[in-house]
């Protein structure tokens, strides 16, 4: 049975959602939730069995296979996003919700290593979003109807912990890009589109950390989507998700410390600097 999403005009039944990275994880959870609410759903991901399986699952939820379109797409290629937009508009005539969710988390290594892998990660995580906005943005503006763009970021793009610098760089740049996108949209005369940054917490997506068993601390992808929808209903730009281990207050303190590195002229990433371990622990206890 369809479960309507109330009070969000861009997500009303009969409207159209496009979700990249929609064959698994948060993307698939969003696609099935929106299909169940009566939206047309265009799900995009790399071609293969996972995308085909996602299409079948979403169509079953939608109870009408004609409301679901699966499109093979490599977001690193601008031409793939343009083709995705063409197919979405040809099938449904409009797009009210664009979720630029596709991303990769492989670790290319140190700043001076593996240039090709660095470029590939940035092409997907950052340029994939830019390609999406370029392909859909003008068309969505021209519709003159309420619409939304949600870009999937990461807490690692804000606190930038050591471990995967390339990923942090991509998500940090994505945060800045999405902030600028929101500003540009709200200053566009007559625009009825808003932009939002989804910032998931620890989320189990089926293969998190190479394991198929959900850790007790992790949220499910469905929990992230439910939180996202509640945040969109409030009009939040920053959709900062907790999880079963990390409350919002903890995230806020970690982020405040990270910004404090500049204000207090501390060493870069002082949270992980041996000389500031005690000070950080005390800060978190205040």
C-alpha atoms as a PDB file:
ATOM      1  CA  UNK A   1       0.000   0.000   0.000  1.00  0.00           C
ATOM      2  CA  UNK A   2       1.311   3.430  -0.910  1.00  0.00           C
ATOM      3  CA  UNK A   3       2.327   5.657   1.977  1.00  0.00           C
ATOM      4  CA  UNK A   4       2.006   9.326   1.017  1.00  0.00           C
ATOM      5  CA  UNK A   5       4.572  11.927   2.024  1.00  0.00           C
ATOM      6  CA  UNK A   6       2.592  14.921   3.196  1.00  0.00           C
ATOM      7  CA  UNK A   7       3.466  18.620   3.179  1.00  0.00           C
ATOM      8  CA  UNK A   8       6.343  18.322   0.705  1.00  0.00           C
ATOM      9  CA  UNK A   9       5.023  19.475  -2.691  1.00  0.00           C
ATOM     10  CA  UNK A  10       8.106  18.196  -4.531  1.00  0.00           C
ATOM     11  CA  UNK A  11       7.323  14.697  -3.232  1.00  0.00           C
ATOM     12  CA  UNK A  12       3.610  14.577  -3.948  1.00  0.00           C
ATOM     13  CA  UNK A  13       2.174  11.494  -5.599  1.00  0.00           C
ATOM     14  CA  UNK A  14       2.524  11.552  -9.368  1.00  0.00           C
ATOM     15  CA  UNK A  15       5.650  13.680  -9.348  1.00  0.00           C
ATOM     16  CA  UNK A  16       9.066  12.334 -10.370  1.00  0.00           C
ATOM     17  CA  UNK A  17      12.237  11.510  -8.442  1.00  0.00           C
ATOM     18  CA  UNK A  18      15.646  10.803  -9.985  1.00  0.00           C
ATOM     19  CA  UNK A  19      18.166   9.066  -7.733  1.00  0.00           C
ATOM     20  CA  UNK A  20      21.758   8.272  -8.660  1.00  0.00           C
ATOM     21  CA  UNK A  21      23.549   5.489  -6.843  1.00  0.00           C
ATOM     22  CA  UNK A  22      20.075   4.009  -6.498  1.00  0.00           C
ATOM     23  CA  UNK A  23      20.874   0.328  -6.806  1.00  0.00           C
ATOM     24  CA  UNK A  24      21.862  -0.104  -3.164  1.00  0.00           C
ATOM     25  CA  UNK A  25      22.128   1.518   0.245  1.00  0.00           C
ATOM     26  CA  UNK A  26      20.604   4.923   0.927  1.00  0.00           C
ATOM     27  CA  UNK A  27      19.771   5.450  -2.738  1.00  0.00           C
ATOM     28  CA  UNK A  28      17.739   2.265  -2.973  1.00  0.00           C
ATOM     29  CA  UNK A  29      16.017   2.991   0.342  1.00  0.00           C
ATOM     30  CA  UNK A  30      15.027   6.440  -0.947  1.00  0.00           C
ATOM     31  CA  UNK A  31      13.813   5.014  -4.251  1.00  0.00           C
ATOM     32  CA  UNK A  32      11.588   2.390  -2.638  1.00  0.00           C
ATOM     33  CA  UNK A  33      10.210   4.900  -0.117  1.00  0.00           C
ATOM     34  CA  UNK A  34       9.292   7.402  -2.837  1.00  0.00           C
ATOM     35  CA  UNK A  35       7.861   4.721  -5.109  1.00  0.00           C
ATOM     36  CA  UNK A  36       5.684   3.632  -2.206  1.00  0.00           C
ATOM     37  CA  UNK A  37       4.484   7.224  -1.853  1.00  0.00           C
ATOM     38  CA  UNK A  38       3.227   7.240  -5.428  1.00  0.00           C
ATOM     39  CA  UNK A  39       6.058   9.049  -7.190  1.00  0.00           C
ATOM     40  CA  UNK A  40       7.520   8.076 -10.521  1.00  0.00           C
ATOM     41  CA  UNK A  41      11.070   6.912  -9.805  1.00  0.00           C
ATOM     42  CA  UNK A  42      14.082   6.990 -12.098  1.00  0.00           C
ATOM     43  CA  UNK A  43      16.907   5.010 -10.547  1.00  0.00           C
ATOM     44  CA  UNK A  44      20.418   5.333 -11.974  1.00  0.00           C
ATOM     45  CA  UNK A  45      23.535   3.328 -11.249  1.00  0.00           C
ATOM     46  CA  UNK A  46      26.223   1.406 -13.065  1.00  0.00           C
ATOM     47  CA  UNK A  47      24.639  -1.154 -15.360  1.00  0.00           C
ATOM     48  CA  UNK A  48      24.425  -4.745 -14.200  1.00  0.00           C
ATOM     49  CA  UNK A  49      22.484  -7.187 -12.020  1.00  0.00           C
ATOM     50  CA  UNK A  50      22.311  -4.814  -9.031  1.00  0.00           C
ATOM     51  CA  UNK A  51      20.513  -2.152 -11.060  1.00  0.00           C
ATOM     52  CA  UNK A  52      18.141  -4.719 -12.563  1.00  0.00           C
ATOM     53  CA  UNK A  53      17.369  -6.133  -9.127  1.00  0.00           C
ATOM     54  CA  UNK A  54      16.739  -2.634  -7.770  1.00  0.00           C
ATOM     55  CA  UNK A  55      14.352  -1.884 -10.621  1.00  0.00           C
ATOM     56  CA  UNK A  56      12.355  -5.038  -9.888  1.00  0.00           C
ATOM     57  CA  UNK A  57      12.196  -4.269  -6.159  1.00  0.00           C
ATOM     58  CA  UNK A  58      11.107  -0.659  -6.721  1.00  0.00           C
ATOM     59  CA  UNK A  59       8.493  -1.691  -9.306  1.00  0.00           C
ATOM     60  CA  UNK A  60       7.036  -4.186  -6.847  1.00  0.00           C
ATOM     61  CA  UNK A  61       6.695  -1.442  -4.231  1.00  0.00           C
ATOM     62  CA  UNK A  62       5.244   0.981  -6.793  1.00  0.00           C
ATOM     63  CA  UNK A  63       2.641  -1.595  -7.861  1.00  0.00           C
ATOM     64  CA  UNK A  64       3.019  -0.219 -11.395  1.00  0.00           C
ATOM     65  CA  UNK A  65       6.137  -1.012 -13.415  1.00  0.00           C
ATOM     66  CA  UNK A  66       5.362   1.904 -15.726  1.00  0.00           C
ATOM     67  CA  UNK A  67       6.210   4.319 -12.904  1.00  0.00           C
ATOM     68  CA  UNK A  68       9.779   3.000 -12.582  1.00  0.00           C
ATOM     69  CA  UNK A  69      12.695   3.538 -14.937  1.00  0.00           C
ATOM     70  CA  UNK A  70      16.198   2.126 -14.413  1.00  0.00           C
ATOM     71  CA  UNK A  71      18.998   3.794 -16.357  1.00  0.00           C
ATOM     72  CA  UNK A  72      22.629   2.617 -16.495  1.00  0.00           C
ATOM     73  CA  UNK A  73      24.739   5.660 -15.707  1.00  0.00           C
ATOM     74  CA  UNK A  74      28.321   6.512 -14.773  1.00  0.00           C
ATOM     75  CA  UNK A  75      28.038   9.871 -13.001  1.00  0.00           C
ATOM     76  CA  UNK A  76      31.698  10.614 -13.743  1.00  0.00           C
ATOM     77  CA  UNK A  77      30.610  11.132 -17.362  1.00  0.00           C
ATOM     78  CA  UNK A  78      28.681  14.332 -18.049  1.00  0.00           C
ATOM     79  CA  UNK A  79      27.139  12.793 -21.156  1.00  0.00           C
ATOM     80  CA  UNK A  80      25.642   9.982 -19.055  1.00  0.00           C
ATOM     81  CA  UNK A  81      23.872  12.501 -16.834  1.00  0.00           C
ATOM     82  CA  UNK A  82      22.547  14.388 -19.845  1.00  0.00           C
ATOM     83  CA  UNK A  83      21.220  11.111 -21.255  1.00  0.00           C
ATOM     84  CA  UNK A  84      19.676  10.328 -17.859  1.00  0.00           C
ATOM     85  CA  UNK A  85      17.883  13.677 -17.854  1.00  0.00           C
ATOM     86  CA  UNK A  86      16.668  13.145 -21.407  1.00  0.00           C
ATOM     87  CA  UNK A  87      15.205   9.745 -20.526  1.00  0.00           C
ATOM     88  CA  UNK A  88      13.580  10.987 -17.317  1.00  0.00           C
ATOM     89  CA  UNK A  89      11.879  13.893 -19.068  1.00  0.00           C
ATOM     90  CA  UNK A  90      10.862  11.758 -22.029  1.00  0.00           C
ATOM     91  CA  UNK A  91       9.238   9.227 -19.707  1.00  0.00           C
ATOM     92  CA  UNK A  92       7.580  11.506 -17.170  1.00  0.00           C
ATOM     93  CA  UNK A  93       7.716  15.095 -18.427  1.00  0.00           C
ATOM     94  CA  UNK A  94       9.259  16.629 -15.303  1.00  0.00           C
ATOM     95  CA  UNK A  95      11.616  16.002 -12.386  1.00  0.00           C
ATOM     96  CA  UNK A  96      10.680  17.323  -8.955  1.00  0.00           C
ATOM     97  CA  UNK A  97      13.309  15.587  -6.813  1.00  0.00           C
ATOM     98  CA  UNK A  98      16.926  15.029  -7.795  1.00  0.00           C
ATOM     99  CA  UNK A  99      19.058  13.046  -5.363  1.00  0.00           C
ATOM    100  CA  UNK A 100      22.731  13.119  -6.322  1.00  0.00           C
ATOM    101  CA  UNK A 101      23.640  10.154  -4.167  1.00  0.00           C
ATOM    102  CA  UNK A 102      26.189   8.118  -6.164  1.00  0.00           C
ATOM    103  CA  UNK A 103      29.566   7.886  -4.459  1.00  0.00           C
ATOM    104  CA  UNK A 104      32.596   5.712  -3.877  1.00  0.00           C
ATOM    105  CA  UNK A 105      34.723   5.318  -0.781  1.00  0.00           C
ATOM    106  CA  UNK A 106      37.838   3.511  -1.994  1.00  0.00           C
ATOM    107  CA  UNK A 107      41.056   4.874  -0.503  1.00  0.00           C
ATOM    108  CA  UNK A 108      43.635   5.981  -3.109  1.00  0.00           C
ATOM    109  CA  UNK A 109      46.222   6.468  -0.381  1.00  0.00           C
ATOM    110  CA  UNK A 110      48.577   9.306   0.494  1.00  0.00           C
ATOM    111  CA  UNK A 111      48.454  12.740  -1.164  1.00  0.00           C
ATOM    112  CA  UNK A 112      51.403  11.883  -3.403  1.00  0.00           C
ATOM    113  CA  UNK A 113      50.196   8.422  -4.490  1.00  0.00           C
ATOM    114  CA  UNK A 114      47.911   6.896  -7.123  1.00  0.00           C
ATOM    115  CA  UNK A 115      46.895   9.903  -9.195  1.00  0.00           C
ATOM    116  CA  UNK A 116      44.501   7.898 -11.368  1.00  0.00           C
ATOM    117  CA  UNK A 117      42.594   6.612  -8.333  1.00  0.00           C
ATOM    118  CA  UNK A 118      42.449  10.090  -6.813  1.00  0.00           C
ATOM    119  CA  UNK A 119      40.959  11.455 -10.006  1.00  0.00           C
ATOM    120  CA  UNK A 120      38.388   8.664 -10.265  1.00  0.00           C
ATOM    121  CA  UNK A 121      37.143   9.207  -6.718  1.00  0.00           C
ATOM    122  CA  UNK A 122      36.785  12.947  -7.264  1.00  0.00           C
ATOM    123  CA  UNK A 123      35.123  12.405 -10.643  1.00  0.00           C
ATOM    124  CA  UNK A 124      32.397  10.349  -8.965  1.00  0.00           C
ATOM    125  CA  UNK A 125      31.957  12.025  -5.575  1.00  0.00           C
ATOM    126  CA  UNK A 126      32.303  15.658  -6.652  1.00  0.00           C
ATOM    127  CA  UNK A 127      32.021  15.899 -10.417  1.00  0.00           C
ATOM    128  CA  UNK A 128      29.182  13.379 -10.454  1.00  0.00           C
ATOM    129  CA  UNK A 129      27.108  15.840  -8.439  1.00  0.00           C
ATOM    130  CA  UNK A 130      28.147  18.798 -10.594  1.00  0.00           C
ATOM    131  CA  UNK A 131      27.213  16.796 -13.688  1.00  0.00           C
ATOM    132  CA  UNK A 132      23.813  16.040 -12.150  1.00  0.00           C
ATOM    133  CA  UNK A 133      23.056  19.663 -11.379  1.00  0.00           C
ATOM    134  CA  UNK A 134      24.248  20.753 -14.818  1.00  0.00           C
ATOM    135  CA  UNK A 135      22.051  18.165 -16.536  1.00  0.00           C
ATOM    136  CA  UNK A 136      18.873  18.782 -14.529  1.00  0.00           C
ATOM    137  CA  UNK A 137      19.103  22.238 -12.948  1.00  0.00           C
ATOM    138  CA  UNK A 138      17.955  24.461 -15.813  1.00  0.00           C
ATOM    139  CA  UNK A 139      15.137  22.094 -16.750  1.00  0.00           C
ATOM    140  CA  UNK A 140      13.905  21.931 -13.162  1.00  0.00           C
ATOM    141  CA  UNK A 141      13.958  25.729 -12.932  1.00  0.00           C
ATOM    142  CA  UNK A 142      11.983  26.034 -16.154  1.00  0.00           C
ATOM    143  CA  UNK A 143       9.203  23.827 -14.743  1.00  0.00           C
ATOM    144  CA  UNK A 144       8.137  26.639 -12.378  1.00  0.00           C
ATOM    145  CA  UNK A 145       6.985  24.078  -9.823  1.00  0.00           C
ATOM    146  CA  UNK A 146       8.270  23.194  -6.340  1.00  0.00           C
ATOM    147  CA  UNK A 147      11.335  20.958  -6.590  1.00  0.00           C
ATOM    148  CA  UNK A 148      14.293  19.808  -4.521  1.00  0.00           C
ATOM    149  CA  UNK A 149      17.897  18.781  -5.037  1.00  0.00           C
ATOM    150  CA  UNK A 150      19.526  16.654  -2.335  1.00  0.00           C
ATOM    151  CA  UNK A 151      23.256  15.948  -2.469  1.00  0.00           C
ATOM    152  CA  UNK A 152      24.661  13.166  -0.284  1.00  0.00           C
ATOM    153  CA  UNK A 153      27.647  14.401   1.675  1.00  0.00           C
ATOM    154  CA  UNK A 154      29.482  13.034   4.700  1.00  0.00           C
ATOM    155  CA  UNK A 155      30.558  14.060   8.178  1.00  0.00           C
ATOM    156  CA  UNK A 156      34.075  13.320   6.942  1.00  0.00           C
ATOM    157  CA  UNK A 157      33.722  16.328   4.669  1.00  0.00           C
ATOM    158  CA  UNK A 158      33.329  18.514   7.770  1.00  0.00           C
ATOM    159  CA  UNK A 159      35.634  17.068  10.432  1.00  0.00           C
ATOM    160  CA  UNK A 160      38.036  15.500   7.846  1.00  0.00           C
ATOM    161  CA  UNK A 161      39.454  12.679  10.000  1.00  0.00           C
ATOM    162  CA  UNK A 162      42.681  10.968   8.935  1.00  0.00           C
ATOM    163  CA  UNK A 163      42.292   7.716   7.035  1.00  0.00           C
ATOM    164  CA  UNK A 164      41.001   8.568   3.566  1.00  0.00           C
ATOM    165  CA  UNK A 165      42.086  12.028   2.486  1.00  0.00           C
ATOM    166  CA  UNK A 166      40.704  11.759  -1.043  1.00  0.00           C
ATOM    167  CA  UNK A 167      37.225  10.919   0.239  1.00  0.00           C
ATOM    168  CA  UNK A 168      37.375  13.777   2.742  1.00  0.00           C
ATOM    169  CA  UNK A 169      38.442  16.201   0.008  1.00  0.00           C
ATOM    170  CA  UNK A 170      35.573  15.123  -2.243  1.00  0.00           C
ATOM    171  CA  UNK A 171      32.930  15.471   0.462  1.00  0.00           C
ATOM    172  CA  UNK A 172      34.372  18.736   1.776  1.00  0.00           C
ATOM    173  CA  UNK A 173      34.203  20.190  -1.723  1.00  0.00           C
ATOM    174  CA  UNK A 174      30.676  18.801  -2.109  1.00  0.00           C
ATOM    175  CA  UNK A 175      29.586  20.592   1.076  1.00  0.00           C
ATOM    176  CA  UNK A 176      30.886  23.895  -0.267  1.00  0.00           C
ATOM    177  CA  UNK A 177      29.323  23.261  -3.671  1.00  0.00           C
ATOM    178  CA  UNK A 178      25.915  22.457  -2.187  1.00  0.00           C
ATOM    179  CA  UNK A 179      25.980  25.522   0.059  1.00  0.00           C
ATOM    180  CA  UNK A 180      26.704  27.660  -2.995  1.00  0.00           C
ATOM    181  CA  UNK A 181      23.997  25.866  -4.972  1.00  0.00           C
ATOM    182  CA  UNK A 182      21.420  26.620  -2.279  1.00  0.00           C
ATOM    183  CA  UNK A 183      22.419  30.292  -2.277  1.00  0.00           C
ATOM    184  CA  UNK A 184      22.256  30.523  -6.065  1.00  0.00           C
ATOM    185  CA  UNK A 185      18.825  28.885  -6.218  1.00  0.00           C
ATOM    186  CA  UNK A 186      17.246  31.087  -3.580  1.00  0.00           C
ATOM    187  CA  UNK A 187      18.527  34.176  -5.413  1.00  0.00           C
ATOM    188  CA  UNK A 188      17.298  33.029  -8.821  1.00  0.00           C
ATOM    189  CA  UNK A 189      14.224  35.126  -9.699  1.00  0.00           C
ATOM    190  CA  UNK A 190      11.081  33.056  -9.431  1.00  0.00           C
ATOM    191  CA  UNK A 191      12.940  29.888  -8.457  1.00  0.00           C
ATOM    192  CA  UNK A 192      10.919  27.281  -6.615  1.00  0.00           C
ATOM    193  CA  UNK A 193      13.782  24.848  -6.063  1.00  0.00           C
ATOM    194  CA  UNK A 194      15.680  24.256  -2.838  1.00  0.00           C
ATOM    195  CA  UNK A 195      18.988  22.455  -2.323  1.00  0.00           C
ATOM    196  CA  UNK A 196      19.876  20.324   0.694  1.00  0.00           C
ATOM    197  CA  UNK A 197      22.938  18.486   2.026  1.00  0.00           C
ATOM    198  CA  UNK A 198      22.346  15.001   3.407  1.00  0.00           C
ATOM    199  CA  UNK A 199      24.994  14.130   6.017  1.00  0.00           C
ATOM    200  CA  UNK A 200      24.545  10.488   7.043  1.00  0.00           C
ATOM    201  CA  UNK A 201      25.942   9.036  10.219  1.00  0.00           C
ATOM    202  CA  UNK A 202      27.279   5.496  10.526  1.00  0.00           C
ATOM    203  CA  UNK A 203      24.979   3.653   8.128  1.00  0.00           C
ATOM    204  CA  UNK A 204      24.787  -0.026   7.277  1.00  0.00           C
ATOM    205  CA  UNK A 205      24.302  -0.396   3.542  1.00  0.00           C
ATOM    206  CA  UNK A 206      24.721  -4.145   3.187  1.00  0.00           C
ATOM    207  CA  UNK A 207      28.480  -4.157   2.686  1.00  0.00           C
ATOM    208  CA  UNK A 208      29.614  -1.561   5.234  1.00  0.00           C
ATOM    209  CA  UNK A 209      33.276  -2.008   6.034  1.00  0.00           C
ATOM    210  CA  UNK A 210      33.338  -5.250   4.064  1.00  0.00           C
ATOM    211  CA  UNK A 211      30.849  -6.970   6.374  1.00  0.00           C
ATOM    212  CA  UNK A 212      27.312  -8.148   5.698  1.00  0.00           C
ATOM    213  CA  UNK A 213      26.342  -7.938   9.382  1.00  0.00           C
ATOM    214  CA  UNK A 214      24.921  -4.684  10.729  1.00  0.00           C
ATOM    215  CA  UNK A 215      26.864  -3.248  13.648  1.00  0.00           C
ATOM    216  CA  UNK A 216      24.722  -2.242  16.641  1.00  0.00           C
ATOM    217  CA  UNK A 217      25.963   1.355  16.317  1.00  0.00           C
ATOM    218  CA  UNK A 218      24.811   1.711  12.718  1.00  0.00           C
ATOM    219  CA  UNK A 219      21.538   3.034  11.399  1.00  0.00           C
ATOM    220  CA  UNK A 220      19.828   1.326   8.510  1.00  0.00           C
ATOM    221  CA  UNK A 221      19.487   3.088   5.173  1.00  0.00           C
ATOM    222  CA  UNK A 222      15.722   3.257   5.780  1.00  0.00           C
ATOM    223  CA  UNK A 223      16.308   5.180   9.016  1.00  0.00           C
ATOM    224  CA  UNK A 224      18.466   7.684   7.146  1.00  0.00           C
ATOM    225  CA  UNK A 225      15.756   8.198   4.529  1.00  0.00           C
ATOM    226  CA  UNK A 226      13.046   8.657   7.167  1.00  0.00           C
ATOM    227  CA  UNK A 227      15.231  11.227   8.922  1.00  0.00           C
ATOM    228  CA  UNK A 228      15.906  12.957   5.603  1.00  0.00           C
ATOM    229  CA  UNK A 229      12.204  13.234   4.812  1.00  0.00           C
ATOM    230  CA  UNK A 230      11.409  14.659   8.248  1.00  0.00           C
ATOM    231  CA  UNK A 231      14.231  17.189   7.804  1.00  0.00           C
ATOM    232  CA  UNK A 232      13.021  18.167   4.328  1.00  0.00           C
ATOM    233  CA  UNK A 233       9.546  18.725   5.740  1.00  0.00           C
ATOM    234  CA  UNK A 234      11.078  21.206   8.221  1.00  0.00           C
ATOM    235  CA  UNK A 235      13.018  22.881   5.418  1.00  0.00           C
ATOM    236  CA  UNK A 236      16.447  21.965   6.811  1.00  0.00           C
ATOM    237  CA  UNK A 237      19.456  22.533   4.581  1.00  0.00           C
ATOM    238  CA  UNK A 238      21.930  20.534   6.680  1.00  0.00           C
ATOM    239  CA  UNK A 239      20.414  17.090   7.228  1.00  0.00           C
ATOM    240  CA  UNK A 240      22.776  15.921   9.969  1.00  0.00           C
ATOM    241  CA  UNK A 241      21.890  12.334  10.828  1.00  0.00           C
ATOM    242  CA  UNK A 242      22.720  10.700  14.146  1.00  0.00           C
ATOM    243  CA  UNK A 243      23.132   6.951  14.518  1.00  0.00           C
ATOM    244  CA  UNK A 244      22.815   4.460  17.353  1.00  0.00           C
ATOM    245  CA  UNK A 245      26.150   5.519  18.811  1.00  0.00           C
ATOM    246  CA  UNK A 246      26.567   9.219  17.998  1.00  0.00           C
ATOM    247  CA  UNK A 247      24.034  11.804  19.099  1.00  0.00           C
ATOM    248  CA  UNK A 248      23.781  15.168  17.389  1.00  0.00           C
ATOM    249  CA  UNK A 249      25.400  16.897  20.382  1.00  0.00           C
ATOM    250  CA  UNK A 250      28.549  14.818  19.875  1.00  0.00           C
ATOM    251  CA  UNK A 251      28.712  15.702  16.184  1.00  0.00           C
ATOM    252  CA  UNK A 252      28.235  19.355  17.029  1.00  0.00           C
ATOM    253  CA  UNK A 253      31.152  19.331  19.475  1.00  0.00           C
ATOM    254  CA  UNK A 254      33.436  17.521  17.024  1.00  0.00           C
ATOM    255  CA  UNK A 255      32.571  20.008  14.288  1.00  0.00           C
ATOM    256  CA  UNK A 256      33.046  22.971  16.611  1.00  0.00           C
ATOM    257  CA  UNK A 257      36.503  21.678  17.541  1.00  0.00           C
ATOM    258  CA  UNK A 258      37.427  21.304  13.870  1.00  0.00           C
ATOM    259  CA  UNK A 259      36.503  24.928  13.134  1.00  0.00           C
ATOM    260  CA  UNK A 260      38.330  25.920  16.320  1.00  0.00           C
ATOM    261  CA  UNK A 261      41.613  24.753  14.786  1.00  0.00           C
ATOM    262  CA  UNK A 262      41.531  27.888  12.634  1.00  0.00           C
ATOM    263  CA  UNK A 263      40.216  30.241  15.320  1.00  0.00           C
ATOM    264  CA  UNK A 264      42.659  29.016  17.965  1.00  0.00           C
ATOM    265  CA  UNK A 265      45.544  28.623  15.479  1.00  0.00           C
ATOM    266  CA  UNK A 266      46.055  25.003  16.449  1.00  0.00           C
ATOM    267  CA  UNK A 267      47.879  22.480  14.237  1.00  0.00           C
ATOM    268  CA  UNK A 268      45.852  21.009  11.401  1.00  0.00           C
ATOM    269  CA  UNK A 269      43.615  18.133  12.536  1.00  0.00           C
ATOM    270  CA  UNK A 270      44.576  18.835  16.152  1.00  0.00           C
ATOM    271  CA  UNK A 271      41.921  16.400  17.357  1.00  0.00           C
ATOM    272  CA  UNK A 272      44.330  13.640  16.310  1.00  0.00           C
ATOM    273  CA  UNK A 273      47.514  15.479  17.360  1.00  0.00           C
ATOM    274  CA  UNK A 274      49.220  13.934  20.417  1.00  0.00           C
ATOM    275  CA  UNK A 275      49.680  17.343  22.051  1.00  0.00           C
ATOM    276  CA  UNK A 276      45.943  18.078  22.012  1.00  0.00           C
ATOM    277  CA  UNK A 277      44.429  14.747  23.051  1.00  0.00           C
ATOM    278  CA  UNK A 278      43.657  15.855  26.598  1.00  0.00           C
ATOM    279  CA  UNK A 279      42.317  19.223  25.534  1.00  0.00           C
ATOM    280  CA  UNK A 280      39.962  17.601  23.027  1.00  0.00           C
ATOM    281  CA  UNK A 281      38.709  15.082  25.600  1.00  0.00           C
ATOM    282  CA  UNK A 282      38.023  17.895  28.057  1.00  0.00           C
ATOM    283  CA  UNK A 283      36.253  19.903  25.366  1.00  0.00           C
ATOM    284  CA  UNK A 284      33.955  16.974  24.594  1.00  0.00           C
ATOM    285  CA  UNK A 285      33.035  16.639  28.293  1.00  0.00           C
ATOM    286  CA  UNK A 286      31.990  20.268  28.738  1.00  0.00           C
END
